[in-house]
Protein backbone atom coordinates (compact mmCIF):
# COMPACT_ATOMS: atom_id res chain seq x y z
CA MET A 1 0.06 0.00 -0.09
CA GLU A 2 3.05 2.29 0.58
CA GLU A 3 4.05 1.82 -2.91
CA VAL A 4 0.64 2.95 -3.94
CA ARG A 5 1.05 5.98 -2.04
CA GLU A 6 4.24 6.56 -3.11
CA LEU A 7 3.17 6.21 -6.87
CA LEU A 8 0.26 8.80 -6.13
CA ARG A 9 2.74 11.54 -5.01
CA LYS A 10 4.12 11.55 -8.22
CA GLU A 11 2.48 14.18 -10.54
CA GLU A 12 3.09 12.19 -14.06
CA VAL A 13 1.12 9.11 -12.38
CA ARG A 14 -1.66 11.63 -10.94
CA SER A 15 -1.88 13.24 -14.59
CA ILE A 16 -2.03 10.23 -16.75
CA SER A 17 -4.69 8.45 -14.54
CA ARG A 18 -7.00 11.87 -14.48
CA ARG A 19 -6.68 11.97 -18.18
CA TYR A 20 -8.08 8.28 -18.50
CA PHE A 21 -10.65 8.21 -15.72
CA ILE A 22 -12.08 11.92 -17.22
CA SER A 23 -11.76 10.68 -21.05
CA ASN A 24 -13.24 7.17 -20.23
CA GLY A 25 -16.03 9.13 -17.67
CA PHE A 26 -16.89 11.88 -20.44
CA ASP A 27 -17.31 8.62 -23.09
CA GLY A 28 -19.06 6.43 -20.29
CA THR A 29 -21.71 9.48 -19.60
CA LEU A 30 -22.32 9.98 -22.82
CA THR A 31 -22.84 6.51 -23.67
CA SER A 32 -25.36 6.24 -20.60
CA ILE A 33 -27.40 9.49 -21.78
CA GLY A 34 -27.59 7.67 -25.40
CA ILE A 35 -28.99 4.39 -23.85
CA ILE A 36 -31.11 5.96 -21.93
CA VAL A 37 -33.04 8.27 -24.15
CA GLY A 38 -32.61 5.83 -27.20
CA ALA A 39 -34.32 3.20 -24.59
CA TYR A 40 -37.12 5.60 -24.40
CA LEU A 41 -37.81 6.45 -27.79
CA SER A 42 -37.51 3.00 -28.55
CA GLY A 43 -40.33 2.09 -26.16
CA VAL A 44 -38.65 0.03 -23.59
CA SER A 45 -41.08 -0.50 -21.07
CA ASP A 46 -39.27 -1.05 -17.66
CA GLY A 47 -36.14 0.61 -15.95
CA VAL A 48 -35.03 -2.68 -14.86
CA THR A 49 -34.51 -3.42 -18.77
CA VAL A 50 -32.52 -0.05 -18.76
CA VAL A 51 -30.20 -0.57 -16.45
CA LYS A 52 -29.67 -4.32 -17.67
CA ILE A 53 -28.79 -2.75 -21.17
CA GLY A 54 -26.75 0.11 -19.38
CA ALA A 55 -24.90 -2.43 -17.26
CA GLY A 56 -24.10 -4.49 -20.28
CA ALA A 57 -22.34 -1.06 -21.88
CA ALA A 58 -20.40 -0.27 -18.28
CA VAL A 59 -18.82 -3.73 -18.57
CA GLY A 60 -17.66 -3.27 -22.06
CA LEU A 61 -16.30 0.09 -21.63
CA ALA A 62 -14.76 -0.49 -18.37
CA THR A 63 -12.97 -3.54 -19.68
CA SER A 64 -11.98 -1.76 -22.68
CA GLY A 65 -10.67 1.33 -20.66
CA VAL A 66 -8.77 -1.44 -18.07
CA TRP A 67 -7.60 -3.35 -21.09
CA SER A 68 -6.44 -0.89 -23.80
CA VAL A 69 -4.74 1.03 -20.84
CA TRP A 70 -2.85 -1.77 -19.96
CA GLU A 71 -1.62 -2.38 -23.52
CA ILE A 72 -0.86 0.96 -23.99
CA GLU A 73 1.09 1.80 -20.80
CA ARG A 74 2.94 -1.85 -21.26
CA ALA A 75 4.17 -0.75 -24.36
CA GLU A 76 4.76 2.86 -23.28
CA LYS A 77 6.65 2.32 -19.78
CA ARG A 78 8.83 -0.71 -21.64
CA ALA A 79 9.52 2.04 -24.12
CA GLU A 80 10.59 4.76 -21.46
CA ILE A 81 12.82 1.94 -19.68
CA LEU A 82 14.69 0.66 -22.61
CA GLN A 83 15.41 4.13 -23.28
CA LEU A 84 16.75 4.59 -19.60
CA GLU A 85 18.61 1.15 -20.09
CA ARG A 86 20.38 2.33 -23.25
CA ALA A 87 21.30 5.53 -21.60
CA MET A 88 22.65 3.94 -18.48
CA LEU A 89 24.06 1.04 -20.32
CA ALA A 90 22.18 -1.02 -17.47
CA ASP A 91 19.57 -3.88 -17.43
CA LEU A 92 16.81 -2.47 -14.93
CA ASP A 93 14.92 -5.43 -14.50
CA ASP A 94 13.47 -5.83 -11.12
CA THR A 95 14.56 -2.56 -9.98
CA LYS A 96 12.56 0.17 -8.25
CA VAL A 97 12.58 1.98 -11.76
CA GLN A 98 11.20 -0.92 -13.37
CA ARG A 99 8.31 -1.58 -10.46
CA GLN A 100 7.19 1.68 -10.47
CA LYS A 101 6.86 1.81 -13.81
CA VAL A 102 4.60 -1.24 -13.44
CA GLY A 103 2.85 -0.09 -10.64
CA ALA A 104 1.86 3.19 -12.60
CA ARG A 105 0.33 1.39 -15.41
CA LYS A 106 -1.79 -0.64 -12.49
CA ILE A 107 -3.36 2.66 -11.22
CA ASN A 108 -3.47 4.17 -15.03
CA ALA A 109 -5.45 1.07 -15.77
CA VAL A 110 -7.66 0.73 -12.73
CA MET A 111 -8.30 4.80 -13.21
CA SER A 112 -9.35 4.14 -16.85
CA GLY A 113 -11.82 1.65 -16.14
CA ILE A 114 -13.61 3.45 -12.93
CA GLY A 115 -14.26 6.40 -15.08
CA PRO A 116 -16.71 4.92 -17.41
CA LEU A 117 -18.54 2.71 -14.24
CA ILE A 118 -19.34 6.09 -12.56
CA GLY A 119 -19.97 7.79 -16.00
CA ILE A 120 -22.86 4.77 -16.82
CA LEU A 121 -23.96 3.42 -13.62
CA PHE A 122 -24.65 7.11 -12.10
CA PRO A 123 -27.30 8.12 -14.53
CA LEU A 124 -28.99 5.10 -14.34
CA VAL A 125 -29.69 5.24 -10.64
CA PRO A 126 -33.24 6.75 -11.39
CA PHE A 127 -33.99 3.53 -13.67
CA LEU A 128 -34.26 1.62 -10.24
CA LEU A 129 -36.84 3.73 -9.08
CA GLN A 130 -39.24 3.35 -12.12
CA GLY A 131 -42.66 2.04 -11.41
CA THR A 132 -42.35 3.15 -7.86
CA TYR A 133 -41.79 6.50 -7.59
CA LEU A 134 -41.14 7.80 -11.02
CA SER A 135 -42.61 7.27 -14.24
CA LEU A 136 -40.33 6.02 -17.32
CA LEU A 137 -40.53 9.80 -18.82
CA GLU A 138 -39.11 11.12 -15.17
CA ALA A 139 -36.48 8.55 -14.88
CA THR A 140 -35.18 9.44 -18.68
CA VAL A 141 -35.26 13.11 -17.87
CA VAL A 142 -33.53 12.56 -14.02
CA GLY A 143 -30.86 10.37 -15.53
CA VAL A 144 -29.94 12.95 -18.36
CA GLY A 145 -29.89 15.32 -15.68
CA ILE A 146 -27.80 13.37 -13.67
CA GLY A 147 -25.62 12.66 -16.99
CA VAL A 148 -25.24 16.35 -17.48
CA GLY A 149 -24.27 16.79 -13.81
CA VAL A 150 -21.54 14.28 -13.89
CA LEU A 151 -20.23 15.84 -17.06
CA PHE A 152 -20.49 19.14 -15.72
CA ALA A 153 -18.60 17.90 -12.71
CA PHE A 154 -15.82 16.83 -14.72
CA GLY A 155 -15.73 19.99 -16.25
CA ALA A 156 -15.55 21.95 -13.39
CA TYR A 157 -13.12 19.80 -11.89
CA LEU A 158 -10.67 20.31 -14.97
CA GLY A 159 -11.57 24.10 -14.63
CA GLN A 160 -10.49 23.96 -10.93
CA LEU A 161 -7.60 22.28 -11.70
CA SER A 162 -6.42 24.30 -14.88
CA GLU A 163 -7.16 27.69 -13.06
CA GLN A 164 -10.02 28.50 -15.55
CA ASN A 165 -13.51 29.27 -14.72
CA TRP A 166 -14.59 26.02 -13.04
CA PHE A 167 -18.27 27.10 -13.65
CA VAL A 168 -17.70 27.93 -17.83
CA ALA A 169 -15.51 24.57 -17.85
CA GLY A 170 -18.28 22.83 -16.55
CA VAL A 171 -21.24 24.11 -18.61
CA ARG A 172 -19.20 23.16 -21.66
CA MET A 173 -19.11 19.82 -20.78
CA GLY A 174 -22.59 19.21 -19.69
CA LEU A 175 -23.43 20.59 -22.98
CA ALA A 176 -21.88 17.43 -24.63
CA GLY A 177 -24.93 15.67 -22.78
CA LEU A 178 -27.67 17.87 -24.10
CA VAL A 179 -26.11 17.57 -27.74
CA VAL A 180 -26.45 13.88 -27.32
CA THR A 181 -29.82 14.28 -26.12
CA PHE A 182 -30.79 16.56 -28.79
CA VAL A 183 -29.49 14.22 -31.32
CA ASN A 184 -30.97 11.21 -30.52
CA PHE A 185 -34.37 12.92 -30.67
CA LEU A 186 -33.43 13.63 -34.49
CA LEU A 187 -32.98 10.20 -35.35
CA PRO A 188 -35.16 8.18 -37.33
CA GLY A 189 -37.29 5.44 -35.77
């Protein structure tokens, strides 16, 4: 656990993990909004079905996030080690440098998978209340609202991080959710 804490103190590890988390969280949230609106427009009659469809998407995107980043970072970290080995004229297998590169890869992959889980699952919560507390239309509206809120939170965080106006950055990201909603209503069928 101390090794993880040490790695998380490194800005490079945090920065890369943050990028994967936000990027894949953004994708997951927009996917969730698309599923929510598409399910409603397609006549899906119950919230549980919407949650099951969303859960399938969550599994797919989280797996994609973890697997792709695991492979991308394996190649990138290995290239960094090879470059260091050439410069140092030394083998770095089983050294602290090599272990830290592997540890960073693990952190990056996990964060890449968590992002889409949050982005997909949070907007689906209202569908668990459909039929008892919410109608399908209400669950759809609340789900889209939660999705836009998640996107806003991602944008506000990035705005704050980069010392921009956090509200404007949040609105810019949240707007993507409204665009996906609107475009789904324009689709035929």
